[in-house]
Amino acid sequence: MVKKIVLFLVLVTILSIPVLALAQAGGGAGAGPTIDSVTSAIETAVVSIGGSMAVVGWVVAGIIYLTAAGSPEKLGIAKKAMIAAIIGTLLVLIGTTSDNIISLMKDAFGIEGTLDSVN
């Protein structure tokens, strides 16, 4: 199973390299996607999938809890599933607000400019 996931991720990475390379060219109207638009589309897809998985995790944990009928083993499984769902939800929330968090930290510490201005 792990080999299939790794193979899938490698395949997606290899297939997305030309899109990112072409996105660097920029150009005028109709010249193709930019890096910002590609990364924004990827972020939207990841957040959508992650959010859906978090909701499914909450539902599964709730169903396990409701059907536990006092069984300590099933209650333990439900508790672990609920903790996993909470962690997943927090990761999705942190991922969606990471840009805002970085901007707030830059403002709080008085950091100006971007990483490009360092060079």
PDB file of N, CA and C in Angstrom:
ATOM      1  N   MET A   1       0.824  -1.189   0.000  1.00  0.00           N
ATOM      2  CA  MET A   1       0.000   0.000   0.000  1.00  0.00           C
ATOM      3  C   MET A   1       0.869   1.254   0.000  1.00  0.00           C
ATOM      4  N   VAL A   2       1.925   1.257   0.811  1.00  0.00           N
ATOM      5  CA  VAL A   2       2.803   2.415   0.886  1.00  0.00           C
ATOM      6  C   VAL A   2       3.523   2.617  -0.447  1.00  0.00           C
ATOM      7  N   LYS A   3       3.895   1.509  -1.089  1.00  0.00           N
ATOM      8  CA  LYS A   3       4.569   1.608  -2.384  1.00  0.00           C
ATOM      9  C   LYS A   3       3.650   2.256  -3.420  1.00  0.00           C
ATOM     10  N   LYS A   4       2.364   1.933  -3.375  1.00  0.00           N
ATOM     11  CA  LYS A   4       1.417   2.522  -4.321  1.00  0.00           C
ATOM     12  C   LYS A   4       1.280   4.020  -4.084  1.00  0.00           C
ATOM     13  N   ILE A   5       1.249   4.431  -2.826  1.00  0.00           N
ATOM     14  CA  ILE A   5       1.121   5.853  -2.512  1.00  0.00           C
ATOM     15  C   ILE A   5       2.365   6.607  -2.966  1.00  0.00           C
ATOM     16  N   VAL A   6       3.527   6.053  -2.693  1.00  0.00           N
ATOM     17  CA  VAL A   6       4.778   6.689  -3.112  1.00  0.00           C
ATOM     18  C   VAL A   6       4.837   6.770  -4.629  1.00  0.00           C
ATOM     19  N   LEU A   7       4.473   5.709  -5.312  1.00  0.00           N
ATOM     20  CA  LEU A   7       4.468   5.711  -6.771  1.00  0.00           C
ATOM     21  C   LEU A   7       3.513   6.773  -7.307  1.00  0.00           C
ATOM     22  N   PHE A   8       2.337   6.899  -6.695  1.00  0.00           N
ATOM     23  CA  PHE A   8       1.369   7.904  -7.110  1.00  0.00           C
ATOM     24  C   PHE A   8       1.936   9.310  -6.922  1.00  0.00           C
ATOM     25  N   LEU A   9       2.554   9.578  -5.777  1.00  0.00           N
ATOM     26  CA  LEU A   9       3.109  10.903  -5.519  1.00  0.00           C
ATOM     27  C   LEU A   9       4.249  11.222  -6.475  1.00  0.00           C
ATOM     28  N   VAL A  10       5.089  10.243  -6.775  1.00  0.00           N
ATOM     29  CA  VAL A  10       6.180  10.457  -7.733  1.00  0.00           C
ATOM     30  C   VAL A  10       5.605  10.752  -9.118  1.00  0.00           C
ATOM     31  N   LEU A  11       4.602  10.015  -9.515  1.00  0.00           N
ATOM     32  CA  LEU A  11       3.976  10.226 -10.823  1.00  0.00           C
ATOM     33  C   LEU A  11       3.351  11.614 -10.923  1.00  0.00           C
ATOM     34  N   VAL A  12       2.641  12.035  -9.893  1.00  0.00           N
ATOM     35  CA  VAL A  12       2.030  13.365  -9.896  1.00  0.00           C
ATOM     36  C   VAL A  12       3.108  14.442  -9.958  1.00  0.00           C
ATOM     37  N   THR A  13       4.185  14.251  -9.220  1.00  0.00           N
ATOM     38  CA  THR A  13       5.276  15.225  -9.240  1.00  0.00           C
ATOM     39  C   THR A  13       5.901  15.318 -10.624  1.00  0.00           C
ATOM     40  N   ILE A  14       6.174  14.187 -11.229  1.00  0.00           N
ATOM     41  CA  ILE A  14       6.788  14.182 -12.559  1.00  0.00           C
ATOM     42  C   ILE A  14       5.862  14.830 -13.586  1.00  0.00           C
ATOM     43  N   LEU A  15       4.569  14.548 -13.488  1.00  0.00           N
ATOM     44  CA  LEU A  15       3.638  15.116 -14.455  1.00  0.00           C
ATOM     45  C   LEU A  15       3.381  16.598 -14.225  1.00  0.00           C
ATOM     46  N   SER A  16       3.622  17.107 -13.034  1.00  0.00           N
ATOM     47  CA  SER A  16       3.366  18.523 -12.771  1.00  0.00           C
ATOM     48  C   SER A  16       4.577  19.403 -13.058  1.00  0.00           C
ATOM     49  N   ILE A  17       5.749  18.825 -13.251  1.00  0.00           N
ATOM     50  CA  ILE A  17       6.956  19.624 -13.514  1.00  0.00           C
ATOM     51  C   ILE A  17       6.817  20.470 -14.790  1.00  0.00           C
ATOM     52  N   PRO A  18       6.322  19.930 -15.905  1.00  0.00           N
ATOM     53  CA  PRO A  18       6.185  20.788 -17.096  1.00  0.00           C
ATOM     54  C   PRO A  18       5.230  21.958 -16.882  1.00  0.00           C
ATOM     55  N   VAL A  19       4.170  21.745 -16.120  1.00  0.00           N
ATOM     56  CA  VAL A  19       3.225  22.832 -15.871  1.00  0.00           C
ATOM     57  C   VAL A  19       3.903  23.947 -15.095  1.00  0.00           C
ATOM     58  N   LEU A  20       4.683  23.592 -14.081  1.00  0.00           N
ATOM     59  CA  LEU A  20       5.386  24.603 -13.301  1.00  0.00           C
ATOM     60  C   LEU A  20       6.472  25.283 -14.118  1.00  0.00           C
ATOM     61  N   ALA A  21       7.151  24.532 -14.989  1.00  0.00           N
ATOM     62  CA  ALA A  21       8.189  25.127 -15.824  1.00  0.00           C
ATOM     63  C   ALA A  21       7.590  26.110 -16.821  1.00  0.00           C
ATOM     64  N   LEU A  22       6.471  25.758 -17.405  1.00  0.00           N
ATOM     65  CA  LEU A  22       5.817  26.664 -18.347  1.00  0.00           C
ATOM     66  C   LEU A  22       5.205  27.867 -17.635  1.00  0.00           C
ATOM     67  N   ALA A  23       4.853  27.703 -16.380  1.00  0.00           N
ATOM     68  CA  ALA A  23       4.260  28.806 -15.628  1.00  0.00           C
ATOM     69  C   ALA A  23       5.285  29.894 -15.352  1.00  0.00           C
ATOM     70  N   GLN A  24       6.572  29.580 -15.378  1.00  0.00           N
ATOM     71  CA  GLN A  24       7.599  30.572 -15.111  1.00  0.00           C
ATOM     72  C   GLN A  24       7.780  31.543 -16.269  1.00  0.00           C
ATOM     73  N   ALA A  25       7.359  31.160 -17.451  1.00  0.00           N
ATOM     74  CA  ALA A  25       7.586  31.995 -18.624  1.00  0.00           C
ATOM     75  C   ALA A  25       6.839  33.313 -18.536  1.00  0.00           C
ATOM     76  N   GLY A  26       5.686  33.331 -17.876  1.00  0.00           N
ATOM     77  CA  GLY A  26       4.910  34.563 -17.767  1.00  0.00           C
ATOM     78  C   GLY A  26       4.364  34.942 -19.126  1.00  0.00           C
ATOM     79  N   GLY A  27       4.503  36.204 -19.495  1.00  0.00           N
ATOM     80  CA  GLY A  27       4.050  36.635 -20.802  1.00  0.00           C
ATOM     81  C   GLY A  27       2.775  37.441 -20.696  1.00  0.00           C
ATOM     82  N   GLY A  28       2.191  37.691 -21.851  1.00  0.00           N
ATOM     83  CA  GLY A  28       0.998  38.509 -21.911  1.00  0.00           C
ATOM     84  C   GLY A  28      -0.261  37.718 -21.651  1.00  0.00           C
ATOM     85  N   ALA A  29      -1.365  38.319 -22.037  1.00  0.00           N
ATOM     86  CA  ALA A  29      -2.659  37.680 -21.828  1.00  0.00           C
ATOM     87  C   ALA A  29      -2.752  36.416 -22.668  1.00  0.00           C
ATOM     88  N   GLY A  30      -3.243  35.370 -22.093  1.00  0.00           N
ATOM     89  CA  GLY A  30      -3.394  34.110 -22.810  1.00  0.00           C
ATOM     90  C   GLY A  30      -2.101  33.335 -22.940  1.00  0.00           C
ATOM     91  N   ALA A  31      -1.056  33.753 -22.209  1.00  0.00           N
ATOM     92  CA  ALA A  31       0.241  33.091 -22.324  1.00  0.00           C
ATOM     93  C   ALA A  31       0.296  31.800 -21.522  1.00  0.00           C
ATOM     94  N   GLY A  32      -0.700  31.532 -20.711  1.00  0.00           N
ATOM     95  CA  GLY A  32      -0.699  30.317 -19.909  1.00  0.00           C
ATOM     96  C   GLY A  32      -0.715  30.644 -18.433  1.00  0.00           C
ATOM     97  N   PRO A  33      -0.687  29.624 -17.636  1.00  0.00           N
ATOM     98  CA  PRO A  33      -0.779  29.855 -16.193  1.00  0.00           C
ATOM     99  C   PRO A  33       0.520  30.418 -15.619  1.00  0.00           C
ATOM    100  N   THR A  34       0.374  31.158 -14.538  1.00  0.00           N
ATOM    101  CA  THR A  34       1.546  31.646 -13.816  1.00  0.00           C
ATOM    102  C   THR A  34       1.786  30.737 -12.620  1.00  0.00           C
ATOM    103  N   ILE A  35       2.925  30.881 -11.989  1.00  0.00           N
ATOM    104  CA  ILE A  35       3.238  30.060 -10.818  1.00  0.00           C
ATOM    105  C   ILE A  35       2.229  30.337  -9.707  1.00  0.00           C
ATOM    106  N   ASP A  36       1.848  31.611  -9.557  1.00  0.00           N
ATOM    107  CA  ASP A  36       0.870  31.949  -8.525  1.00  0.00           C
ATOM    108  C   ASP A  36      -0.463  31.249  -8.761  1.00  0.00           C
ATOM    109  N   SER A  37      -0.911  31.212 -10.011  1.00  0.00           N
ATOM    110  CA  SER A  37      -2.192  30.575 -10.287  1.00  0.00           C
ATOM    111  C   SER A  37      -2.112  29.063 -10.112  1.00  0.00           C
ATOM    112  N   VAL A  38      -0.968  28.472 -10.468  1.00  0.00           N
ATOM    113  CA  VAL A  38      -0.801  27.027 -10.312  1.00  0.00           C
ATOM    114  C   VAL A  38      -0.764  26.652  -8.834  1.00  0.00           C
ATOM    115  N   THR A  39       0.022  27.399  -8.049  1.00  0.00           N
ATOM    116  CA  THR A  39       0.105  27.087  -6.622  1.00  0.00           C
ATOM    117  C   THR A  39      -1.214  27.360  -5.922  1.00  0.00           C
ATOM    118  N   SER A  40      -1.945  28.369  -6.369  1.00  0.00           N
ATOM    119  CA  SER A  40      -3.259  28.650  -5.793  1.00  0.00           C
ATOM    120  C   SER A  40      -4.235  27.516  -6.091  1.00  0.00           C
ATOM    121  N   ALA A  41      -4.174  26.976  -7.309  1.00  0.00           N
ATOM    122  CA  ALA A  41      -5.043  25.856  -7.663  1.00  0.00           C
ATOM    123  C   ALA A  41      -4.682  24.610  -6.863  1.00  0.00           C
ATOM    124  N   ILE A  42      -3.386  24.371  -6.679  1.00  0.00           N
ATOM    125  CA  ILE A  42      -2.951  23.220  -5.889  1.00  0.00           C
ATOM    126  C   ILE A  42      -3.389  23.382  -4.445  1.00  0.00           C
ATOM    127  N   GLU A  43      -3.246  24.598  -3.896  1.00  0.00           N
ATOM    128  CA  GLU A  43      -3.657  24.845  -2.509  1.00  0.00           C
ATOM    129  C   GLU A  43      -5.158  24.627  -2.343  1.00  0.00           C
ATOM    130  N   THR A  44      -5.931  25.098  -3.295  1.00  0.00           N
ATOM    131  CA  THR A  44      -7.381  24.913  -3.225  1.00  0.00           C
ATOM    132  C   THR A  44      -7.746  23.435  -3.251  1.00  0.00           C
ATOM    133  N   ALA A  45      -7.086  22.674  -4.116  1.00  0.00           N
ATOM    134  CA  ALA A  45      -7.373  21.240  -4.195  1.00  0.00           C
ATOM    135  C   ALA A  45      -6.988  20.520  -2.909  1.00  0.00           C
ATOM    136  N   VAL A  46      -5.814  20.856  -2.364  1.00  0.00           N
ATOM    137  CA  VAL A  46      -5.350  20.195  -1.141  1.00  0.00           C
ATOM    138  C   VAL A  46      -6.265  20.530   0.027  1.00  0.00           C
ATOM    139  N   VAL A  47      -6.682  21.790   0.135  1.00  0.00           N
ATOM    140  CA  VAL A  47      -7.573  22.190   1.223  1.00  0.00           C
ATOM    141  C   VAL A  47      -8.927  21.507   1.073  1.00  0.00           C
ATOM    142  N   SER A  48      -9.425  21.399  -0.146  1.00  0.00           N
ATOM    143  CA  SER A  48     -10.709  20.732  -0.366  1.00  0.00           C
ATOM    144  C   SER A  48     -10.639  19.258   0.029  1.00  0.00           C
ATOM    145  N   ILE A  49      -9.590  18.584  -0.408  1.00  0.00           N
ATOM    146  CA  ILE A  49      -9.434  17.166  -0.075  1.00  0.00           C
ATOM    147  C   ILE A  49      -9.203  16.993   1.420  1.00  0.00           C
ATOM    148  N   GLY A  50      -8.345  17.830   1.996  1.00  0.00           N
ATOM    149  CA  GLY A  50      -8.067  17.739   3.430  1.00  0.00           C
ATOM    150  C   GLY A  50      -9.290  18.035   4.274  1.00  0.00           C
ATOM    151  N   GLY A  51     -10.060  19.041   3.880  1.00  0.00           N
ATOM    152  CA  GLY A  51     -11.287  19.355   4.601  1.00  0.00           C
ATOM    153  C   GLY A  51     -12.300  18.233   4.517  1.00  0.00           C
ATOM    154  N   SER A  52     -12.402  17.630   3.345  1.00  0.00           N
ATOM    155  CA  SER A  52     -13.325  16.497   3.183  1.00  0.00           C
ATOM    156  C   SER A  52     -12.893  15.316   4.043  1.00  0.00           C
ATOM    157  N   MET A  53     -11.583  15.067   4.074  1.00  0.00           N
ATOM    158  CA  MET A  53     -11.086  13.968   4.902  1.00  0.00           C
ATOM    159  C   MET A  53     -11.321  14.247   6.384  1.00  0.00           C
ATOM    160  N   ALA A  54     -11.200  15.500   6.803  1.00  0.00           N
ATOM    161  CA  ALA A  54     -11.450  15.848   8.202  1.00  0.00           C
ATOM    162  C   ALA A  54     -12.911  15.617   8.561  1.00  0.00           C
ATOM    163  N   VAL A  55     -13.813  16.000   7.666  1.00  0.00           N
ATOM    164  CA  VAL A  55     -15.247  15.781   7.919  1.00  0.00           C
ATOM    165  C   VAL A  55     -15.551  14.290   8.003  1.00  0.00           C
ATOM    166  N   VAL A  56     -14.978  13.507   7.090  1.00  0.00           N
ATOM    167  CA  VAL A  56     -15.183  12.053   7.126  1.00  0.00           C
ATOM    168  C   VAL A  56     -14.628  11.482   8.431  1.00  0.00           C
ATOM    169  N   GLY A  57     -13.479  11.994   8.878  1.00  0.00           N
ATOM    170  CA  GLY A  57     -12.906  11.540  10.141  1.00  0.00           C
ATOM    171  C   GLY A  57     -13.820  11.816  11.316  1.00  0.00           C
ATOM    172  N   TRP A  58     -14.415  13.007  11.343  1.00  0.00           N
ATOM    173  CA  TRP A  58     -15.362  13.343  12.415  1.00  0.00           C
ATOM    174  C   TRP A  58     -16.570  12.408  12.392  1.00  0.00           C
ATOM    175  N   VAL A  59     -17.095  12.173  11.200  1.00  0.00           N
ATOM    176  CA  VAL A  59     -18.284  11.317  11.076  1.00  0.00           C
ATOM    177  C   VAL A  59     -17.961   9.889  11.504  1.00  0.00           C
ATOM    178  N   VAL A  60     -16.857   9.347  11.033  1.00  0.00           N
ATOM    179  CA  VAL A  60     -16.476   7.971  11.385  1.00  0.00           C
ATOM    180  C   VAL A  60     -16.244   7.854  12.886  1.00  0.00           C
ATOM    181  N   ALA A  61     -15.557   8.832  13.469  1.00  0.00           N
ATOM    182  CA  ALA A  61     -15.307   8.794  14.915  1.00  0.00           C
ATOM    183  C   ALA A  61     -16.624   8.849  15.684  1.00  0.00           C
ATOM    184  N   GLY A  62     -17.552   9.663  15.220  1.00  0.00           N
ATOM    185  CA  GLY A  62     -18.861   9.744  15.882  1.00  0.00           C
ATOM    186  C   GLY A  62     -19.648   8.454  15.782  1.00  0.00           C
ATOM    187  N   ILE A  63     -19.610   7.832  14.615  1.00  0.00           N
ATOM    188  CA  ILE A  63     -20.332   6.565  14.435  1.00  0.00           C
ATOM    189  C   ILE A  63     -19.718   5.476  15.311  1.00  0.00           C
ATOM    190  N   ILE A  64     -18.402   5.428  15.367  1.00  0.00           N
ATOM    191  CA  ILE A  64     -17.746   4.425  16.217  1.00  0.00           C
ATOM    192  C   ILE A  64     -18.124   4.654  17.681  1.00  0.00           C
ATOM    193  N   TYR A  65     -18.151   5.916  18.096  1.00  0.00           N
ATOM    194  CA  TYR A  65     -18.504   6.225  19.476  1.00  0.00           C
ATOM    195  C   TYR A  65     -19.949   5.830  19.784  1.00  0.00           C
ATOM    196  N   LEU A  66     -20.838   6.142  18.857  1.00  0.00           N
ATOM    197  CA  LEU A  66     -22.256   5.838  19.092  1.00  0.00           C
ATOM    198  C   LEU A  66     -22.539   4.340  19.085  1.00  0.00           C
ATOM    199  N   THR A  67     -21.788   3.586  18.326  1.00  0.00           N
ATOM    200  CA  THR A  67     -22.024   2.141  18.251  1.00  0.00           C
ATOM    201  C   THR A  67     -21.153   1.354  19.220  1.00  0.00           C
ATOM    202  N   ALA A  68     -20.393   2.047  20.066  1.00  0.00           N
ATOM    203  CA  ALA A  68     -19.499   1.357  20.992  1.00  0.00           C
ATOM    204  C   ALA A  68     -20.264   0.568  22.048  1.00  0.00           C
ATOM    205  N   ALA A  69     -21.413   1.037  22.447  1.00  0.00           N
ATOM    206  CA  ALA A  69     -22.275   0.358  23.426  1.00  0.00           C
ATOM    207  C   ALA A  69     -21.521   0.049  24.717  1.00  0.00           C
ATOM    208  N   GLY A  70     -20.669   0.960  25.139  1.00  0.00           N
ATOM    209  CA  GLY A  70     -19.955   0.785  26.398  1.00  0.00           C
ATOM    210  C   GLY A  70     -18.728  -0.094  26.328  1.00  0.00           C
ATOM    211  N   SER A  71     -18.396  -0.625  25.184  1.00  0.00           N
ATOM    212  CA  SER A  71     -17.219  -1.475  25.038  1.00  0.00           C
ATOM    213  C   SER A  71     -15.956  -0.624  25.175  1.00  0.00           C
ATOM    214  N   PRO A  72     -15.099  -0.951  26.147  1.00  0.00           N
ATOM    215  CA  PRO A  72     -13.891  -0.140  26.337  1.00  0.00           C
ATOM    216  C   PRO A  72     -12.971  -0.120  25.114  1.00  0.00           C
ATOM    217  N   GLU A  73     -12.907  -1.225  24.383  1.00  0.00           N
ATOM    218  CA  GLU A  73     -12.041  -1.269  23.202  1.00  0.00           C
ATOM    219  C   GLU A  73     -12.543  -0.302  22.128  1.00  0.00           C
ATOM    220  N   LYS A  74     -13.857  -0.356  21.872  1.00  0.00           N
ATOM    221  CA  LYS A  74     -14.418   0.519  20.839  1.00  0.00           C
ATOM    222  C   LYS A  74     -14.379   1.983  21.275  1.00  0.00           C
ATOM    223  N   LEU A  75     -14.556   2.236  22.577  1.00  0.00           N
ATOM    224  CA  LEU A  75     -14.457   3.608  23.060  1.00  0.00           C
ATOM    225  C   LEU A  75     -13.031   4.131  22.890  1.00  0.00           C
ATOM    226  N   GLY A  76     -12.049   3.273  23.112  1.00  0.00           N
ATOM    227  CA  GLY A  76     -10.654   3.662  22.894  1.00  0.00           C
ATOM    228  C   GLY A  76     -10.375   3.962  21.433  1.00  0.00           C
ATOM    229  N   ILE A  77     -10.921   3.139  20.551  1.00  0.00           N
ATOM    230  CA  ILE A  77     -10.756   3.363  19.112  1.00  0.00           C
ATOM    231  C   ILE A  77     -11.433   4.672  18.712  1.00  0.00           C
ATOM    232  N   ALA A  78     -12.636   4.921  19.263  1.00  0.00           N
ATOM    233  CA  ALA A  78     -13.358   6.150  18.946  1.00  0.00           C
ATOM    234  C   ALA A  78     -12.582   7.367  19.437  1.00  0.00           C
ATOM    235  N   LYS A  79     -11.974   7.258  20.611  1.00  0.00           N
ATOM    236  CA  LYS A  79     -11.191   8.365  21.154  1.00  0.00           C
ATOM    237  C   LYS A  79      -9.984   8.655  20.267  1.00  0.00           C
ATOM    238  N   LYS A  80      -9.295   7.608  19.823  1.00  0.00           N
ATOM    239  CA  LYS A  80      -8.137   7.797  18.935  1.00  0.00           C
ATOM    240  C   LYS A  80      -8.574   8.403  17.596  1.00  0.00           C
ATOM    241  N   ALA A  81      -9.717   7.943  17.085  1.00  0.00           N
ATOM    242  CA  ALA A  81     -10.225   8.489  15.820  1.00  0.00           C
ATOM    243  C   ALA A  81     -10.613   9.955  15.978  1.00  0.00           C
ATOM    244  N   MET A  82     -11.188  10.303  17.118  1.00  0.00           N
ATOM    245  CA  MET A  82     -11.568  11.696  17.357  1.00  0.00           C
ATOM    246  C   MET A  82     -10.329  12.584  17.457  1.00  0.00           C
ATOM    247  N   ILE A  83      -9.293  12.099  18.125  1.00  0.00           N
ATOM    248  CA  ILE A  83      -8.050  12.873  18.224  1.00  0.00           C
ATOM    249  C   ILE A  83      -7.428  13.047  16.841  1.00  0.00           C
ATOM    250  N   ALA A  84      -7.457  12.007  16.038  1.00  0.00           N
ATOM    251  CA  ALA A  84      -6.922  12.105  14.672  1.00  0.00           C
ATOM    252  C   ALA A  84      -7.724  13.108  13.844  1.00  0.00           C
ATOM    253  N   ALA A  85      -9.049  13.107  14.015  1.00  0.00           N
ATOM    254  CA  ALA A  85      -9.888  14.062  13.283  1.00  0.00           C
ATOM    255  C   ALA A  85      -9.604  15.494  13.727  1.00  0.00           C
ATOM    256  N   ILE A  86      -9.394  15.682  15.022  1.00  0.00           N
ATOM    257  CA  ILE A  86      -9.068  17.022  15.527  1.00  0.00           C
ATOM    258  C   ILE A  86      -7.732  17.488  14.967  1.00  0.00           C
ATOM    259  N   ILE A  87      -6.737  16.614  14.976  1.00  0.00           N
ATOM    260  CA  ILE A  87      -5.419  16.973  14.436  1.00  0.00           C
ATOM    261  C   ILE A  87      -5.522  17.289  12.941  1.00  0.00           C
ATOM    262  N   GLY A  88      -6.279  16.484  12.204  1.00  0.00           N
ATOM    263  CA  GLY A  88      -6.464  16.745  10.779  1.00  0.00           C
ATOM    264  C   GLY A  88      -7.143  18.075  10.515  1.00  0.00           C
ATOM    265  N   THR A  89      -8.161  18.379  11.307  1.00  0.00           N
ATOM    266  CA  THR A  89      -8.854  19.651  11.155  1.00  0.00           C
ATOM    267  C   THR A  89      -7.918  20.816  11.449  1.00  0.00           C
ATOM    268  N   LEU A  90      -7.116  20.689  12.501  1.00  0.00           N
ATOM    269  CA  LEU A  90      -6.163  21.749  12.830  1.00  0.00           C
ATOM    270  C   LEU A  90      -5.125  21.935  11.721  1.00  0.00           C
ATOM    271  N   LEU A  91      -4.660  20.836  11.135  1.00  0.00           N
ATOM    272  CA  LEU A  91      -3.689  20.946  10.046  1.00  0.00           C
ATOM    273  C   LEU A  91      -4.283  21.665   8.839  1.00  0.00           C
ATOM    274  N   VAL A  92      -5.534  21.362   8.519  1.00  0.00           N
ATOM    275  CA  VAL A  92      -6.185  22.045   7.395  1.00  0.00           C
ATOM    276  C   VAL A  92      -6.352  23.524   7.708  1.00  0.00           C
ATOM    277  N   LEU A  93      -6.761  23.846   8.935  1.00  0.00           N
ATOM    278  CA  LEU A  93      -6.927  25.251   9.305  1.00  0.00           C
ATOM    279  C   LEU A  93      -5.602  25.998   9.294  1.00  0.00           C
ATOM    280  N   ILE A  94      -4.554  25.374   9.797  1.00  0.00           N
ATOM    281  CA  ILE A  94      -3.240  26.014   9.789  1.00  0.00           C
ATOM    282  C   ILE A  94      -2.751  26.195   8.355  1.00  0.00           C
ATOM    283  N   GLY A  95      -3.002  25.197   7.519  1.00  0.00           N
ATOM    284  CA  GLY A  95      -2.583  25.297   6.124  1.00  0.00           C
ATOM    285  C   GLY A  95      -3.291  26.411   5.375  1.00  0.00           C
ATOM    286  N   THR A  96      -4.558  26.631   5.672  1.00  0.00           N
ATOM    287  CA  THR A  96      -5.296  27.674   4.954  1.00  0.00           C
ATOM    288  C   THR A  96      -4.953  29.064   5.460  1.00  0.00           C
ATOM    289  N   THR A  97      -4.513  29.167   6.692  1.00  0.00           N
ATOM    290  CA  THR A  97      -4.212  30.483   7.249  1.00  0.00           C
ATOM    291  C   THR A  97      -2.720  30.753   7.363  1.00  0.00           C
ATOM    292  N   SER A  98      -1.891  29.897   6.774  1.00  0.00           N
ATOM    293  CA  SER A  98      -0.441  30.069   6.918  1.00  0.00           C
ATOM    294  C   SER A  98       0.038  31.392   6.330  1.00  0.00           C
ATOM    295  N   ASP A  99      -0.517  31.815   5.204  1.00  0.00           N
ATOM    296  CA  ASP A  99      -0.116  33.097   4.622  1.00  0.00           C
ATOM    297  C   ASP A  99      -0.440  34.246   5.564  1.00  0.00           C
ATOM    298  N   ASN A 100      -1.623  34.202   6.161  1.00  0.00           N
ATOM    299  CA  ASN A 100      -2.015  35.256   7.091  1.00  0.00           C
ATOM    300  C   ASN A 100      -1.150  35.237   8.347  1.00  0.00           C
ATOM    301  N   ILE A 101      -0.814  34.050   8.829  1.00  0.00           N
ATOM    302  CA  ILE A 101       0.027  33.943  10.023  1.00  0.00           C
ATOM    303  C   ILE A 101       1.410  34.517   9.747  1.00  0.00           C
ATOM    304  N   ILE A 102       1.961  34.202   8.586  1.00  0.00           N
ATOM    305  CA  ILE A 102       3.288  34.724   8.232  1.00  0.00           C
ATOM    306  C   ILE A 102       3.244  36.240   8.111  1.00  0.00           C
ATOM    307  N   SER A 103       2.200  36.776   7.504  1.00  0.00           N
ATOM    308  CA  SER A 103       2.073  38.227   7.378  1.00  0.00           C
ATOM    309  C   SER A 103       1.948  38.888   8.745  1.00  0.00           C
ATOM    310  N   LEU A 104       1.175  38.295   9.643  1.00  0.00           N
ATOM    311  CA  LEU A 104       1.044  38.844  10.991  1.00  0.00           C
ATOM    312  C   LEU A 104       2.366  38.815  11.742  1.00  0.00           C
ATOM    313  N   MET A 105       3.121  37.721  11.594  1.00  0.00           N
ATOM    314  CA  MET A 105       4.418  37.620  12.262  1.00  0.00           C
ATOM    315  C   MET A 105       5.393  38.663  11.696  1.00  0.00           C
ATOM    316  N   LYS A 106       5.375  38.860  10.378  1.00  0.00           N
ATOM    317  CA  LYS A 106       6.239  39.869   9.773  1.00  0.00           C
ATOM    318  C   LYS A 106       5.889  41.250  10.305  1.00  0.00           C
ATOM    319  N   ASP A 107       4.602  41.548  10.410  1.00  0.00           N
ATOM    320  CA  ASP A 107       4.179  42.847  10.934  1.00  0.00           C
ATOM    321  C   ASP A 107       4.557  42.989  12.408  1.00  0.00           C
ATOM    322  N   ALA A 108       4.390  41.919  13.182  1.00  0.00           N
ATOM    323  CA  ALA A 108       4.680  41.981  14.615  1.00  0.00           C
ATOM    324  C   ALA A 108       6.156  42.223  14.886  1.00  0.00           C
ATOM    325  N   PHE A 109       7.022  41.643  14.077  1.00  0.00           N
ATOM    326  CA  PHE A 109       8.458  41.797  14.289  1.00  0.00           C
ATOM    327  C   PHE A 109       9.079  42.884  13.417  1.00  0.00           C
ATOM    328  N   GLY A 110       8.264  43.575  12.647  1.00  0.00           N
ATOM    329  CA  GLY A 110       8.760  44.684  11.843  1.00  0.00           C
ATOM    330  C   GLY A 110       9.606  44.265  10.663  1.00  0.00           C
ATOM    331  N   ILE A 111       9.369  43.081  10.120  1.00  0.00           N
ATOM    332  CA  ILE A 111      10.128  42.598   8.970  1.00  0.00           C
ATOM    333  C   ILE A 111       9.450  43.123   7.713  1.00  0.00           C
ATOM    334  N   GLU A 112      10.249  43.724   6.829  1.00  0.00           N
ATOM    335  CA  GLU A 112       9.691  44.275   5.592  1.00  0.00           C
ATOM    336  C   GLU A 112      10.248  43.531   4.402  1.00  0.00           C
ATOM    337  N   GLY A 113       9.533  43.595   3.303  1.00  0.00           N
ATOM    338  CA  GLY A 113      10.006  43.020   2.064  1.00  0.00           C
ATOM    339  C   GLY A 113       9.664  41.550   1.941  1.00  0.00           C
ATOM    340  N   THR A 114      10.223  40.931   0.921  1.00  0.00           N
ATOM    341  CA  THR A 114      10.007  39.528   0.642  1.00  0.00           C
ATOM    342  C   THR A 114      11.336  38.807   0.678  1.00  0.00           C
ATOM    343  N   LEU A 115      11.288  37.510   0.439  1.00  0.00           N
ATOM    344  CA  LEU A 115      12.525  36.742   0.388  1.00  0.00           C
ATOM    345  C   LEU A 115      13.390  37.140  -0.789  1.00  0.00           C
ATOM    346  N   ASP A 116      12.787  37.684  -1.848  1.00  0.00           N
ATOM    347  CA  ASP A 116      13.548  38.109  -3.017  1.00  0.00           C
ATOM    348  C   ASP A 116      14.458  39.271  -2.682  1.00  0.00           C
ATOM    349  N   SER A 117      14.075  40.112  -1.719  1.00  0.00           N
ATOM    350  CA  SER A 117      14.881  41.287  -1.391  1.00  0.00           C
ATOM    351  C   SER A 117      16.113  40.940  -0.565  1.00  0.00           C
ATOM    352  N   VAL A 118      16.206  39.702  -0.080  1.00  0.00           N
ATOM    353  CA  VAL A 118      17.373  39.277   0.711  1.00  0.00           C
ATOM    354  C   VAL A 118      18.596  39.161  -0.181  1.00  0.00           C
ATOM    355  N   ASN A 119      18.399  38.672  -1.408  1.00  0.00           N
ATOM    356  CA  ASN A 119      19.526  38.447  -2.327  1.00  0.00           C
ATOM    357  C   ASN A 119      20.031  39.725  -2.874  1.00  0.00           C
TER     358      ASN A 119
END
